[in-house]
């Protein structure tokens, strides 16, 4: 096979172009900090990157859901603690009213305070989070326990997905906690106030009813605490998983900086050597030859 000066020059230029292309790719990786700048750089790595990014987005959504659920339950917890304090105060007032040493005027004052406590408890029972009553389920009403009428919500659970196949209810069943109709805490307190004024001897029955309702309120507090702990654990699990996925994504996408810098330096040296070798191989021009 005959080798001409033209073919030599063509091969030199082609090899120089290959060196320049490799140098450009390395410089691009170094400037972006990524091994994969386009799918063609690594089809397999691109697939892995897409799957890892999808998993990372999922874990981040779990964390947001857990945060929302914790905020919802914190509002319910604060309301129930306030209710528990007021029910405890109401019980103390009932015991005072049952004492034979209290006159009618004193019992009337106790009844007035009981009614004030009832309205304060109603306000707590209508506590909302993001304009939704925390004790109203999925009901459309803005108040779970309006002053006129009974419970307007429902017992449907408001769920938050906080993990694979894991959902946690973030609302509290207002009917189960506060009761409804004649069984409601509001009716019990109303009956107590009336009997304080008119029939103090019948307060024992109402005190038992109040104690029964106080137990359901404390059960509600326990439920809220257990769910909050579960959400916090799931949020931490999602956070840990997100960190692991981020590390895996970095392994797939990010460059090894020292290695890439070394590779760039070697390619620059090789390019300079190729230029020097090409200058020696390519035939000099007539002018250069005459010199």
Protein backbone atom coordinates (compact mmCIF):
# COMPACT_ATOMS: atom_id res chain seq x y z
CA UNK A 1 0.00 0.00 0.00
CA UNK A 2 1.47 3.32 -1.10
CA UNK A 3 1.68 5.97 1.60
CA UNK A 4 1.64 9.53 0.31
CA UNK A 5 2.33 12.77 2.09
CA UNK A 6 -1.34 13.63 1.64
CA UNK A 7 -2.50 10.50 3.46
CA UNK A 8 0.00 11.15 6.24
CA UNK A 9 -1.33 14.68 6.68
CA UNK A 10 -4.92 13.39 6.63
CA UNK A 11 -4.19 10.79 9.32
CA UNK A 12 -2.36 13.32 11.48
CA UNK A 13 -5.30 15.74 11.30
CA UNK A 14 -7.79 12.95 12.08
CA UNK A 15 -5.80 11.85 15.11
CA UNK A 16 -5.42 15.43 16.30
CA UNK A 17 -9.18 15.87 15.97
CA UNK A 18 -9.77 12.75 18.08
CA UNK A 19 -7.42 14.12 20.72
CA UNK A 20 -9.28 17.44 20.70
CA UNK A 21 -12.65 15.66 21.03
CA UNK A 22 -11.47 13.64 24.03
CA UNK A 23 -9.98 16.76 25.58
CA UNK A 24 -13.27 18.63 25.07
CA UNK A 25 -15.29 15.80 26.67
CA UNK A 26 -13.01 15.74 29.69
CA UNK A 27 -13.14 19.52 30.04
CA UNK A 28 -16.95 19.36 29.84
CA UNK A 29 -17.11 16.73 32.60
CA UNK A 30 -14.75 18.81 34.74
CA UNK A 31 -16.68 22.06 34.28
CA UNK A 32 -20.12 20.46 34.92
CA UNK A 33 -18.95 18.11 37.67
CA UNK A 34 -21.05 15.34 36.06
CA UNK A 35 -20.07 12.14 34.30
CA UNK A 36 -23.36 12.13 32.39
CA UNK A 37 -24.22 15.32 30.52
CA UNK A 38 -26.38 13.63 27.88
CA UNK A 39 -27.96 10.15 27.62
CA UNK A 40 -25.41 9.06 25.03
CA UNK A 41 -22.61 9.53 27.56
CA UNK A 42 -23.86 6.43 29.41
CA UNK A 43 -27.22 4.86 28.50
CA UNK A 44 -27.06 2.46 31.46
CA UNK A 45 -26.04 5.24 33.84
CA UNK A 46 -28.86 7.42 32.51
CA UNK A 47 -31.44 4.72 33.34
CA UNK A 48 -29.99 4.30 36.84
CA UNK A 49 -29.95 8.06 37.32
CA UNK A 50 -33.62 8.39 36.34
CA UNK A 51 -34.64 5.57 38.70
CA UNK A 52 -32.66 7.07 41.58
CA UNK A 53 -34.11 10.53 40.98
CA UNK A 54 -37.61 9.05 40.99
CA UNK A 55 -36.88 7.29 44.28
CA UNK A 56 -35.43 10.49 45.76
CA UNK A 57 -38.53 12.47 44.78
CA UNK A 58 -40.70 9.78 46.39
CA UNK A 59 -38.79 9.91 49.69
CA UNK A 60 -38.95 13.70 49.72
CA UNK A 61 -42.72 13.49 49.23
CA UNK A 62 -42.98 11.05 52.14
CA UNK A 63 -41.10 13.58 54.30
CA UNK A 64 -43.47 16.40 53.27
CA UNK A 65 -46.48 14.19 54.01
CA UNK A 66 -45.07 13.30 57.43
CA UNK A 67 -44.40 16.96 58.21
CA UNK A 68 -47.97 17.85 57.27
CA UNK A 69 -49.36 15.02 59.39
CA UNK A 70 -47.22 16.00 62.39
CA UNK A 71 -48.38 19.60 62.12
CA UNK A 72 -52.03 18.41 61.92
CA UNK A 73 -51.61 16.16 64.99
CA UNK A 74 -49.77 18.86 66.95
CA UNK A 75 -52.78 21.13 66.52
CA UNK A 76 -55.10 18.34 67.70
CA UNK A 77 -52.80 17.55 70.65
CA UNK A 78 -52.77 21.18 71.78
CA UNK A 79 -56.57 21.38 71.54
CA UNK A 80 -57.11 18.13 73.46
CA UNK A 81 -54.73 19.18 76.21
CA UNK A 82 -56.70 22.39 76.58
CA UNK A 83 -59.95 20.40 76.70
CA UNK A 84 -58.53 18.01 79.29
CA UNK A 85 -57.56 20.92 81.55
CA UNK A 86 -61.03 22.43 81.24
CA UNK A 87 -62.77 19.11 81.95
CA UNK A 88 -60.58 18.68 85.03
CA UNK A 89 -61.61 22.15 86.16
CA UNK A 90 -65.27 21.34 85.51
CA UNK A 91 -64.98 18.19 87.62
CA UNK A 92 -63.53 20.23 90.46
CA UNK A 93 -66.47 22.62 90.22
CA UNK A 94 -68.95 19.73 90.32
CA UNK A 95 -67.35 18.42 93.49
CA UNK A 96 -67.63 21.88 94.99
CA UNK A 97 -71.29 22.05 94.01
CA UNK A 98 -71.96 18.68 95.63
CA UNK A 99 -70.68 20.00 98.97
CA UNK A 100 -73.45 20.73 101.42
CA UNK A 101 -71.71 23.91 102.51
CA UNK A 102 -72.47 25.76 99.25
CA UNK A 103 -75.54 27.95 99.08
CA UNK A 104 -77.71 28.68 96.05
CA UNK A 105 -75.78 31.79 95.10
CA UNK A 106 -72.50 29.89 95.17
CA UNK A 107 -73.94 27.07 93.06
CA UNK A 108 -75.28 29.59 90.52
CA UNK A 109 -71.77 31.02 90.19
CA UNK A 110 -70.39 27.51 89.69
CA UNK A 111 -73.03 26.83 87.02
CA UNK A 112 -72.06 30.03 85.19
CA UNK A 113 -68.41 28.98 85.14
CA UNK A 114 -69.40 25.50 83.91
CA UNK A 115 -71.22 27.09 80.96
CA UNK A 116 -68.17 29.23 80.18
CA UNK A 117 -66.00 26.12 80.24
CA UNK A 118 -68.42 24.37 77.90
CA UNK A 119 -68.11 27.17 75.34
CA UNK A 120 -64.32 27.16 75.69
CA UNK A 121 -64.31 23.40 75.08
CA UNK A 122 -66.54 23.89 72.03
CA UNK A 123 -64.02 26.39 70.68
CA UNK A 124 -61.23 23.84 71.16
CA UNK A 125 -63.35 21.13 69.53
CA UNK A 126 -63.75 23.39 66.47
CA UNK A 127 -59.98 23.89 66.11
CA UNK A 128 -58.94 23.85 62.46
CA UNK A 129 -55.74 23.30 60.51
CA UNK A 130 -55.47 24.92 57.08
CA UNK A 131 -59.17 25.79 57.32
CA UNK A 132 -60.17 22.18 58.01
CA UNK A 133 -61.56 21.11 61.41
CA UNK A 134 -59.13 18.61 62.93
CA UNK A 135 -61.98 16.78 64.67
CA UNK A 136 -64.39 16.88 61.72
CA UNK A 137 -62.99 14.18 59.44
CA UNK A 138 -63.70 14.91 55.79
CA UNK A 139 -66.91 16.85 56.50
CA UNK A 140 -67.55 20.00 54.50
CA UNK A 141 -68.47 22.14 57.51
CA UNK A 142 -65.90 24.58 58.88
CA UNK A 143 -67.01 23.67 62.42
CA UNK A 144 -67.20 20.14 63.75
CA UNK A 145 -69.45 21.17 66.66
CA UNK A 146 -71.51 24.25 65.82
CA UNK A 147 -73.40 25.85 68.69
CA UNK A 148 -76.73 25.05 67.06
CA UNK A 149 -76.91 21.33 66.32
CA UNK A 150 -74.70 18.32 66.90
CA UNK A 151 -71.62 16.90 65.27
CA UNK A 152 -71.41 17.93 61.60
CA UNK A 153 -68.32 15.97 60.60
CA UNK A 154 -67.80 12.29 59.85
CA UNK A 155 -65.61 9.43 61.02
CA UNK A 156 -63.69 9.06 57.74
CA UNK A 157 -59.94 9.00 58.30
CA UNK A 158 -57.72 11.69 56.77
CA UNK A 159 -54.66 9.71 55.68
CA UNK A 160 -51.11 10.66 54.81
CA UNK A 161 -48.86 8.29 52.87
CA UNK A 162 -45.50 8.30 54.65
CA UNK A 163 -43.87 5.16 53.28
CA UNK A 164 -44.29 2.27 50.88
CA UNK A 165 -47.71 0.78 51.71
CA UNK A 166 -47.78 2.87 54.92
CA UNK A 167 -50.56 5.37 55.63
CA UNK A 168 -51.26 7.14 58.91
CA UNK A 169 -54.50 8.85 59.96
CA UNK A 170 -53.80 12.44 60.99
CA UNK A 171 -57.28 13.46 62.11
CA UNK A 172 -59.13 12.59 65.32
CA UNK A 173 -62.70 11.29 65.34
CA UNK A 174 -64.56 14.12 67.05
CA UNK A 175 -67.65 12.00 67.71
CA UNK A 176 -65.58 9.35 69.52
CA UNK A 177 -63.72 11.93 71.62
CA UNK A 178 -66.39 14.52 72.44
CA UNK A 179 -69.52 12.43 71.94
CA UNK A 180 -72.66 13.44 70.09
CA UNK A 181 -76.22 14.28 71.01
CA UNK A 182 -77.14 13.55 74.64
CA UNK A 183 -73.78 11.83 75.11
CA UNK A 184 -71.68 14.84 74.12
CA UNK A 185 -69.45 16.68 76.55
CA UNK A 186 -71.50 19.81 75.86
CA UNK A 187 -74.76 18.15 76.87
CA UNK A 188 -73.13 16.72 80.00
CA UNK A 189 -71.85 20.15 81.05
CA UNK A 190 -75.22 21.73 80.27
CA UNK A 191 -76.95 19.17 82.50
CA UNK A 192 -74.41 19.77 85.24
CA UNK A 193 -74.99 23.53 85.12
CA UNK A 194 -78.77 23.05 85.26
CA UNK A 195 -78.58 20.65 88.20
CA UNK A 196 -76.19 22.90 90.06
CA UNK A 197 -78.89 25.53 89.93
CA UNK A 198 -81.92 23.32 90.52
CA UNK A 199 -81.07 19.81 91.75
CA UNK A 200 -77.59 19.46 93.32
CA UNK A 201 -78.49 16.04 94.74
CA UNK A 202 -78.56 14.61 91.18
CA UNK A 203 -74.98 15.67 90.38
CA UNK A 204 -73.49 12.24 91.13
CA UNK A 205 -74.90 10.74 87.92
CA UNK A 206 -73.61 13.69 85.88
CA UNK A 207 -70.20 13.40 87.52
CA UNK A 208 -69.97 9.78 86.32
CA UNK A 209 -70.93 10.88 82.81
CA UNK A 210 -68.28 13.60 82.94
CA UNK A 211 -65.65 11.09 84.05
CA UNK A 212 -66.63 8.79 81.19
CA UNK A 213 -66.23 11.60 78.66
CA UNK A 214 -62.92 12.67 80.25
CA UNK A 215 -61.64 9.12 79.63
CA UNK A 216 -62.44 9.33 75.90
CA UNK A 217 -60.67 12.69 75.70
CA UNK A 218 -57.55 11.20 77.30
CA UNK A 219 -57.78 8.22 74.94
CA UNK A 220 -57.81 10.73 72.10
CA UNK A 221 -54.65 12.33 73.50
CA UNK A 222 -52.96 8.93 73.69
CA UNK A 223 -53.93 8.16 70.09
CA UNK A 224 -52.57 11.50 68.90
CA UNK A 225 -49.28 10.89 70.73
CA UNK A 226 -48.89 7.38 69.26
CA UNK A 227 -49.57 8.61 65.72
CA UNK A 228 -47.18 11.54 66.13
CA UNK A 229 -44.42 9.15 67.21
CA UNK A 230 -45.13 6.91 64.23
CA UNK A 231 -44.99 9.86 61.82
CA UNK A 232 -41.72 11.07 63.31
CA UNK A 233 -40.20 7.60 62.89
CA UNK A 234 -41.42 7.38 59.28
CA UNK A 235 -40.12 10.87 58.55
CA UNK A 236 -36.68 9.91 59.89
CA UNK A 237 -36.76 6.72 57.82
CA UNK A 238 -37.60 8.72 54.68
CA UNK A 239 -34.84 11.20 55.50
CA UNK A 240 -32.29 8.40 55.92
CA UNK A 241 -33.41 6.75 52.69
CA UNK A 242 -33.17 10.07 50.84
CA UNK A 243 -29.57 10.45 52.02
CA UNK A 244 -28.72 6.94 50.81
CA UNK A 245 -30.34 7.56 47.43
CA UNK A 246 -28.53 10.90 47.10
CA UNK A 247 -25.22 9.15 47.72
CA UNK A 248 -26.03 6.50 45.12
CA UNK A 249 -27.02 9.21 42.65
CA UNK A 250 -23.74 10.98 43.27
CA UNK A 251 -21.86 7.74 42.59
CA UNK A 252 -23.64 7.40 39.24
CA UNK A 253 -23.57 11.02 38.08
CA UNK A 254 -20.70 12.88 39.74
CA UNK A 255 -17.11 12.81 38.58
CA UNK A 256 -14.08 11.75 40.60
CA UNK A 257 -12.45 15.18 40.68
CA UNK A 258 -8.77 14.20 41.23
CA UNK A 259 -9.03 11.46 38.60
CA UNK A 260 -10.66 13.79 36.06
CA UNK A 261 -8.03 16.51 36.61
CA UNK A 262 -5.27 13.95 36.13
CA UNK A 263 -6.97 12.64 32.99
CA UNK A 264 -7.24 16.19 31.59
CA UNK A 265 -3.57 16.85 32.23
CA UNK A 266 -2.56 13.60 30.51
CA UNK A 267 -4.73 14.39 27.49
CA UNK A 268 -3.28 17.90 27.24
CA UNK A 269 0.22 16.40 27.31
CA UNK A 270 -0.76 13.82 24.70
CA UNK A 271 -2.26 16.54 22.49
CA UNK A 272 0.90 18.65 22.68
CA UNK A 273 3.01 15.58 21.85
CA UNK A 274 0.74 14.77 18.89
CA UNK A 275 1.13 18.30 17.58
CA UNK A 276 4.92 18.06 17.85
CA UNK A 277 4.99 14.65 16.16
CA UNK A 278 2.68 15.83 13.39
CA UNK A 279 4.90 18.81 12.70
CA UNK A 280 7.84 16.47 12.16
CA UNK A 281 6.00 13.94 10.02
CA UNK A 282 4.18 16.28 7.63
CA UNK A 283 6.38 17.19 4.66
CA UNK A 284 7.73 20.75 4.82
CA UNK A 285 6.71 23.21 2.13
CA UNK A 286 9.09 24.27 -0.75
CA UNK A 287 9.83 27.59 0.95
CA UNK A 288 10.77 25.84 4.20
CA UNK A 289 12.87 23.34 2.22
CA UNK A 290 14.80 26.17 0.46
CA UNK A 291 15.60 27.71 3.82
